[in-house]
Amino acid sequence: MMKILYICTHNRCRSILSEAVTQHKGEGLLEARSAGSQPSGEVHPLSLTYLAEAGIATAGLRSQSWDDLTDFAPDVVITVCDSAANEACPVWFGNALVMHWGLADPSKIVGSDAEKAAAFRHTLELINNRVSALLDIARQDESQWSDALQQLVLTTTDQQTLGAHA
């Protein structure tokens, strides 16, 4: 089983969405947690709304510090902050491959309910596609994970390529 830790600063939206989608799609091959360097202490309510709408379980999701997960020992750490918006990404110093998924924060959308819904649904679609790529790797023999993950890290520099992966 591949263990994945999603991190961001506040652990209230994108990292929570990523954890939930990964747990939902993981087929027993992926195990996910999420945490923040400065957790807000609450999950954004629209995160829960749109996860539920997508049929993804929300029980047990919580905003927490990465200090609470010292025993998790992830194989992969994925930062989900939006560097395009000049967000500061937390830095992970543990022994894991680190990847970056630049995701715009749908909880920061100012607009109509329909615009907010579209932003959350789009973010969930991106996460779903990216988790599919991780699941493909997790189906391989564990001895091949490192090379396959390194190749995936290289493709994340082209967000369109990874976002289009089905």
C-alpha atoms as a PDB file:
ATOM      1  CA  MET A   1       0.000   0.000   0.000  1.00  0.00           C
ATOM      2  CA  MET A   2       1.291   3.433  -0.971  1.00  0.00           C
ATOM      3  CA  LYS A   3       0.976   6.008   1.812  1.00  0.00           C
ATOM      4  CA  ILE A   4       0.360   9.603   0.718  1.00  0.00           C
ATOM      5  CA  LEU A   5       0.397  12.753   2.833  1.00  0.00           C
ATOM      6  CA  TYR A   6      -1.185  15.886   1.371  1.00  0.00           C
ATOM      7  CA  ILE A   7       0.030  19.091   2.961  1.00  0.00           C
ATOM      8  CA  CYS A   8      -0.778  22.757   2.732  1.00  0.00           C
ATOM      9  CA  THR A   9      -0.664  25.578   5.183  1.00  0.00           C
ATOM     10  CA  HIS A  10      -4.153  25.494   6.709  1.00  0.00           C
ATOM     11  CA  ASN A  11      -5.419  21.966   5.910  1.00  0.00           C
ATOM     12  CA  ARG A  12      -9.009  23.068   5.406  1.00  0.00           C
ATOM     13  CA  CYS A  13      -9.803  22.678   1.704  1.00  0.00           C
ATOM     14  CA  ARG A  14      -7.476  21.340  -1.041  1.00  0.00           C
ATOM     15  CA  SER A  15      -5.505  18.924   1.121  1.00  0.00           C
ATOM     16  CA  ILE A  16      -8.756  17.702   2.698  1.00  0.00           C
ATOM     17  CA  LEU A  17     -10.330  17.226  -0.753  1.00  0.00           C
ATOM     18  CA  SER A  18      -7.219  15.332  -1.887  1.00  0.00           C
ATOM     19  CA  GLU A  19      -7.241  13.066   1.166  1.00  0.00           C
ATOM     20  CA  ALA A  20     -10.931  12.244   0.756  1.00  0.00           C
ATOM     21  CA  VAL A  21     -10.711  11.549  -2.992  1.00  0.00           C
ATOM     22  CA  THR A  22      -7.638   9.354  -2.490  1.00  0.00           C
ATOM     23  CA  GLN A  23      -9.288   7.343   0.278  1.00  0.00           C
ATOM     24  CA  HIS A  24     -12.409   6.975  -1.893  1.00  0.00           C
ATOM     25  CA  LYS A  25     -10.560   5.851  -5.040  1.00  0.00           C
ATOM     26  CA  GLY A  26      -7.663   4.047  -3.385  1.00  0.00           C
ATOM     27  CA  GLU A  27      -8.903   0.468  -3.872  1.00  0.00           C
ATOM     28  CA  GLY A  28      -6.929  -0.541  -0.781  1.00  0.00           C
ATOM     29  CA  LEU A  29      -3.742   0.388  -2.672  1.00  0.00           C
ATOM     30  CA  LEU A  30      -3.559   4.016  -1.532  1.00  0.00           C
ATOM     31  CA  GLU A  31      -3.812   5.327   2.011  1.00  0.00           C
ATOM     32  CA  ALA A  32      -4.030   9.074   2.445  1.00  0.00           C
ATOM     33  CA  ARG A  33      -3.849  11.621   5.210  1.00  0.00           C
ATOM     34  CA  SER A  34      -3.723  15.391   5.105  1.00  0.00           C
ATOM     35  CA  ALA A  35      -2.215  17.971   7.393  1.00  0.00           C
ATOM     36  CA  GLY A  36      -1.090  21.554   7.576  1.00  0.00           C
ATOM     37  CA  SER A  37       1.906  23.461   8.818  1.00  0.00           C
ATOM     38  CA  GLN A  38      -0.501  25.946  10.458  1.00  0.00           C
ATOM     39  CA  PRO A  39      -3.862  24.141  10.496  1.00  0.00           C
ATOM     40  CA  SER A  40      -7.009  26.247  10.768  1.00  0.00           C
ATOM     41  CA  GLY A  41      -8.659  23.685  13.029  1.00  0.00           C
ATOM     42  CA  GLU A  42     -11.743  23.371  10.814  1.00  0.00           C
ATOM     43  CA  VAL A  43     -12.595  21.850   7.468  1.00  0.00           C
ATOM     44  CA  HIS A  44     -14.114  24.376   5.073  1.00  0.00           C
ATOM     45  CA  PRO A  45     -17.883  23.655   4.985  1.00  0.00           C
ATOM     46  CA  LEU A  46     -18.046  23.739   1.173  1.00  0.00           C
ATOM     47  CA  SER A  47     -15.343  21.065   1.043  1.00  0.00           C
ATOM     48  CA  LEU A  48     -17.714  18.779   2.917  1.00  0.00           C
ATOM     49  CA  THR A  49     -20.682  19.839   0.772  1.00  0.00           C
ATOM     50  CA  TYR A  50     -19.024  19.063  -2.563  1.00  0.00           C
ATOM     51  CA  LEU A  51     -17.377  15.856  -1.366  1.00  0.00           C
ATOM     52  CA  ALA A  52     -20.804  14.626  -0.247  1.00  0.00           C
ATOM     53  CA  GLU A  53     -22.303  15.709  -3.575  1.00  0.00           C
ATOM     54  CA  ALA A  54     -19.681  13.559  -5.330  1.00  0.00           C
ATOM     55  CA  GLY A  55     -20.567  10.574  -3.130  1.00  0.00           C
ATOM     56  CA  ILE A  56     -17.299  10.709  -1.195  1.00  0.00           C
ATOM     57  CA  ALA A  57     -17.308   9.997   2.542  1.00  0.00           C
ATOM     58  CA  THR A  58     -16.458  12.913   4.833  1.00  0.00           C
ATOM     59  CA  ALA A  59     -16.535  11.165   8.217  1.00  0.00           C
ATOM     60  CA  GLY A  60     -13.286  11.598  10.110  1.00  0.00           C
ATOM     61  CA  LEU A  61     -11.946  14.469   7.996  1.00  0.00           C
ATOM     62  CA  ARG A  62     -10.346  17.121  10.170  1.00  0.00           C
ATOM     63  CA  SER A  63      -7.915  19.989   9.951  1.00  0.00           C
ATOM     64  CA  GLN A  64      -4.776  18.882  11.762  1.00  0.00           C
ATOM     65  CA  SER A  65      -1.110  19.617  12.160  1.00  0.00           C
ATOM     66  CA  TRP A  66       1.484  17.454  10.484  1.00  0.00           C
ATOM     67  CA  ASP A  67       2.885  17.061  14.012  1.00  0.00           C
ATOM     68  CA  ASP A  68      -0.167  14.852  14.671  1.00  0.00           C
ATOM     69  CA  LEU A  69       1.007  12.420  11.973  1.00  0.00           C
ATOM     70  CA  THR A  70       4.568  11.669  13.064  1.00  0.00           C
ATOM     71  CA  ASP A  71       3.881   7.918  12.951  1.00  0.00           C
ATOM     72  CA  PHE A  72       2.297   7.916   9.469  1.00  0.00           C
ATOM     73  CA  ALA A  73       5.590   7.605   7.500  1.00  0.00           C
ATOM     74  CA  PRO A  74       4.350   8.509   4.006  1.00  0.00           C
ATOM     75  CA  ASP A  75       5.920   7.209   0.810  1.00  0.00           C
ATOM     76  CA  VAL A  76       4.870  10.395  -1.000  1.00  0.00           C
ATOM     77  CA  VAL A  77       4.217  13.927   0.280  1.00  0.00           C
ATOM     78  CA  ILE A  78       2.202  16.172  -2.024  1.00  0.00           C
ATOM     79  CA  THR A  79       1.952  19.923  -1.509  1.00  0.00           C
ATOM     80  CA  VAL A  80      -1.245  21.403  -2.912  1.00  0.00           C
ATOM     81  CA  CYS A  81      -0.714  25.149  -2.517  1.00  0.00           C
ATOM     82  CA  ASP A  82      -1.107  27.445  -5.509  1.00  0.00           C
ATOM     83  CA  SER A  83       2.311  28.859  -6.376  1.00  0.00           C
ATOM     84  CA  ALA A  84       0.687  30.762  -9.252  1.00  0.00           C
ATOM     85  CA  ALA A  85      -1.158  32.779  -6.590  1.00  0.00           C
ATOM     86  CA  ASN A  86       2.124  33.296  -4.684  1.00  0.00           C
ATOM     87  CA  GLU A  87       1.042  31.075  -1.801  1.00  0.00           C
ATOM     88  CA  ALA A  88       3.880  29.880   0.387  1.00  0.00           C
ATOM     89  CA  CYS A  89       4.051  26.079   0.367  1.00  0.00           C
ATOM     90  CA  PRO A  90       5.138  24.334   3.534  1.00  0.00           C
ATOM     91  CA  VAL A  91       8.388  22.396   3.249  1.00  0.00           C
ATOM     92  CA  TRP A  92       8.489  18.726   4.267  1.00  0.00           C
ATOM     93  CA  PHE A  93      11.764  17.462   5.722  1.00  0.00           C
ATOM     94  CA  GLY A  94      10.772  13.832   6.206  1.00  0.00           C
ATOM     95  CA  ASN A  95      12.019  10.836   4.255  1.00  0.00           C
ATOM     96  CA  ALA A  96       9.544  10.736   1.351  1.00  0.00           C
ATOM     97  CA  LEU A  97       9.325  11.712  -2.270  1.00  0.00           C
ATOM     98  CA  VAL A  98       7.878  15.229  -2.465  1.00  0.00           C
ATOM     99  CA  MET A  99       5.583  16.274  -5.292  1.00  0.00           C
ATOM    100  CA  HIS A 100       3.694  19.491  -5.940  1.00  0.00           C
ATOM    101  CA  TRP A 101       0.166  19.799  -7.284  1.00  0.00           C
ATOM    102  CA  GLY A 102      -0.564  23.481  -7.814  1.00  0.00           C
ATOM    103  CA  LEU A 103      -4.277  23.738  -7.077  1.00  0.00           C
ATOM    104  CA  ALA A 104      -6.166  27.016  -6.933  1.00  0.00           C
ATOM    105  CA  ASP A 105      -8.121  27.317  -3.691  1.00  0.00           C
ATOM    106  CA  PRO A 106     -11.835  27.019  -4.511  1.00  0.00           C
ATOM    107  CA  SER A 107     -12.738  28.282  -1.038  1.00  0.00           C
ATOM    108  CA  LYS A 108     -11.341  31.695  -1.974  1.00  0.00           C
ATOM    109  CA  ILE A 109     -13.733  32.194  -4.886  1.00  0.00           C
ATOM    110  CA  VAL A 110     -15.807  35.318  -4.436  1.00  0.00           C
ATOM    111  CA  GLY A 111     -18.921  35.086  -6.533  1.00  0.00           C
ATOM    112  CA  SER A 112     -22.249  33.398  -6.911  1.00  0.00           C
ATOM    113  CA  ASP A 113     -23.080  30.002  -5.470  1.00  0.00           C
ATOM    114  CA  ALA A 114     -22.862  28.626  -9.018  1.00  0.00           C
ATOM    115  CA  GLU A 115     -19.332  30.008  -9.441  1.00  0.00           C
ATOM    116  CA  LYS A 116     -18.253  28.546  -6.108  1.00  0.00           C
ATOM    117  CA  ALA A 117     -19.798  25.187  -7.034  1.00  0.00           C
ATOM    118  CA  ALA A 118     -17.991  25.203 -10.387  1.00  0.00           C
ATOM    119  CA  ALA A 119     -14.671  25.936  -8.667  1.00  0.00           C
ATOM    120  CA  PHE A 120     -15.067  23.071  -6.180  1.00  0.00           C
ATOM    121  CA  ARG A 121     -16.211  20.637  -8.870  1.00  0.00           C
ATOM    122  CA  HIS A 122     -13.258  21.595 -11.095  1.00  0.00           C
ATOM    123  CA  THR A 123     -10.794  21.109  -8.233  1.00  0.00           C
ATOM    124  CA  LEU A 124     -12.317  17.718  -7.434  1.00  0.00           C
ATOM    125  CA  GLU A 125     -11.984  16.724 -11.098  1.00  0.00           C
ATOM    126  CA  LEU A 126      -8.285  17.694 -11.146  1.00  0.00           C
ATOM    127  CA  ILE A 127      -7.645  15.770  -7.938  1.00  0.00           C
ATOM    128  CA  ASN A 128      -9.546  12.752  -9.259  1.00  0.00           C
ATOM    129  CA  ASN A 129      -7.392  12.671 -12.406  1.00  0.00           C
ATOM    130  CA  ARG A 130      -4.172  12.996 -10.436  1.00  0.00           C
ATOM    131  CA  VAL A 131      -5.161  10.304  -7.957  1.00  0.00           C
ATOM    132  CA  SER A 132      -5.824   8.020 -10.930  1.00  0.00           C
ATOM    133  CA  ALA A 133      -2.174   8.498 -11.947  1.00  0.00           C
ATOM    134  CA  LEU A 134      -1.039   7.583  -8.421  1.00  0.00           C
ATOM    135  CA  LEU A 135      -3.315   4.548  -8.418  1.00  0.00           C
ATOM    136  CA  ASP A 136      -1.765   3.355 -11.685  1.00  0.00           C
ATOM    137  CA  ILE A 137       1.636   3.488  -9.991  1.00  0.00           C
ATOM    138  CA  ALA A 138       0.378   1.767  -6.829  1.00  0.00           C
ATOM    139  CA  ARG A 139      -0.829  -1.156  -8.977  1.00  0.00           C
ATOM    140  CA  GLN A 140       2.777  -1.780 -10.055  1.00  0.00           C
ATOM    141  CA  ASP A 141       5.251  -3.824  -8.087  1.00  0.00           C
ATOM    142  CA  GLU A 142       6.517  -1.741  -5.155  1.00  0.00           C
ATOM    143  CA  SER A 143      10.066  -2.020  -6.493  1.00  0.00           C
ATOM    144  CA  GLN A 144       8.945   0.110  -9.478  1.00  0.00           C
ATOM    145  CA  TRP A 145       7.254   2.867  -7.452  1.00  0.00           C
ATOM    146  CA  SER A 146      10.300   5.062  -7.029  1.00  0.00           C
ATOM    147  CA  ASP A 147      11.064   5.297 -10.751  1.00  0.00           C
ATOM    148  CA  ALA A 148       7.400   5.700 -11.687  1.00  0.00           C
ATOM    149  CA  LEU A 149       6.865   8.400  -9.049  1.00  0.00           C
ATOM    150  CA  GLN A 150      10.004  10.221 -10.213  1.00  0.00           C
ATOM    151  CA  GLN A 151       8.611  10.179 -13.753  1.00  0.00           C
ATOM    152  CA  LEU A 152       5.289  11.494 -12.440  1.00  0.00           C
ATOM    153  CA  VAL A 153       7.149  14.280 -10.612  1.00  0.00           C
ATOM    154  CA  LEU A 154       8.688  15.264 -13.941  1.00  0.00           C
ATOM    155  CA  THR A 155       5.284  15.385 -15.608  1.00  0.00           C
ATOM    156  CA  THR A 156       3.871  17.607 -12.854  1.00  0.00           C
ATOM    157  CA  THR A 157       5.893  20.471 -14.281  1.00  0.00           C
ATOM    158  CA  ASP A 158       3.323  20.382 -17.073  1.00  0.00           C
ATOM    159  CA  GLN A 159       0.075  20.625 -15.112  1.00  0.00           C
ATOM    160  CA  GLN A 160      -1.987  20.165 -18.264  1.00  0.00           C
ATOM    161  CA  THR A 161      -0.412  16.753 -18.881  1.00  0.00           C
ATOM    162  CA  LEU A 162      -1.166  15.466 -15.394  1.00  0.00           C
ATOM    163  CA  GLY A 163      -4.582  17.114 -15.287  1.00  0.00           C
ATOM    164  CA  ALA A 164      -5.527  15.369 -18.524  1.00  0.00           C
ATOM    165  CA  HIS A 165      -4.511  11.921 -17.217  1.00  0.00           C
ATOM    166  CA  ALA A 166      -7.554   9.726 -16.853  1.00  0.00           C
END
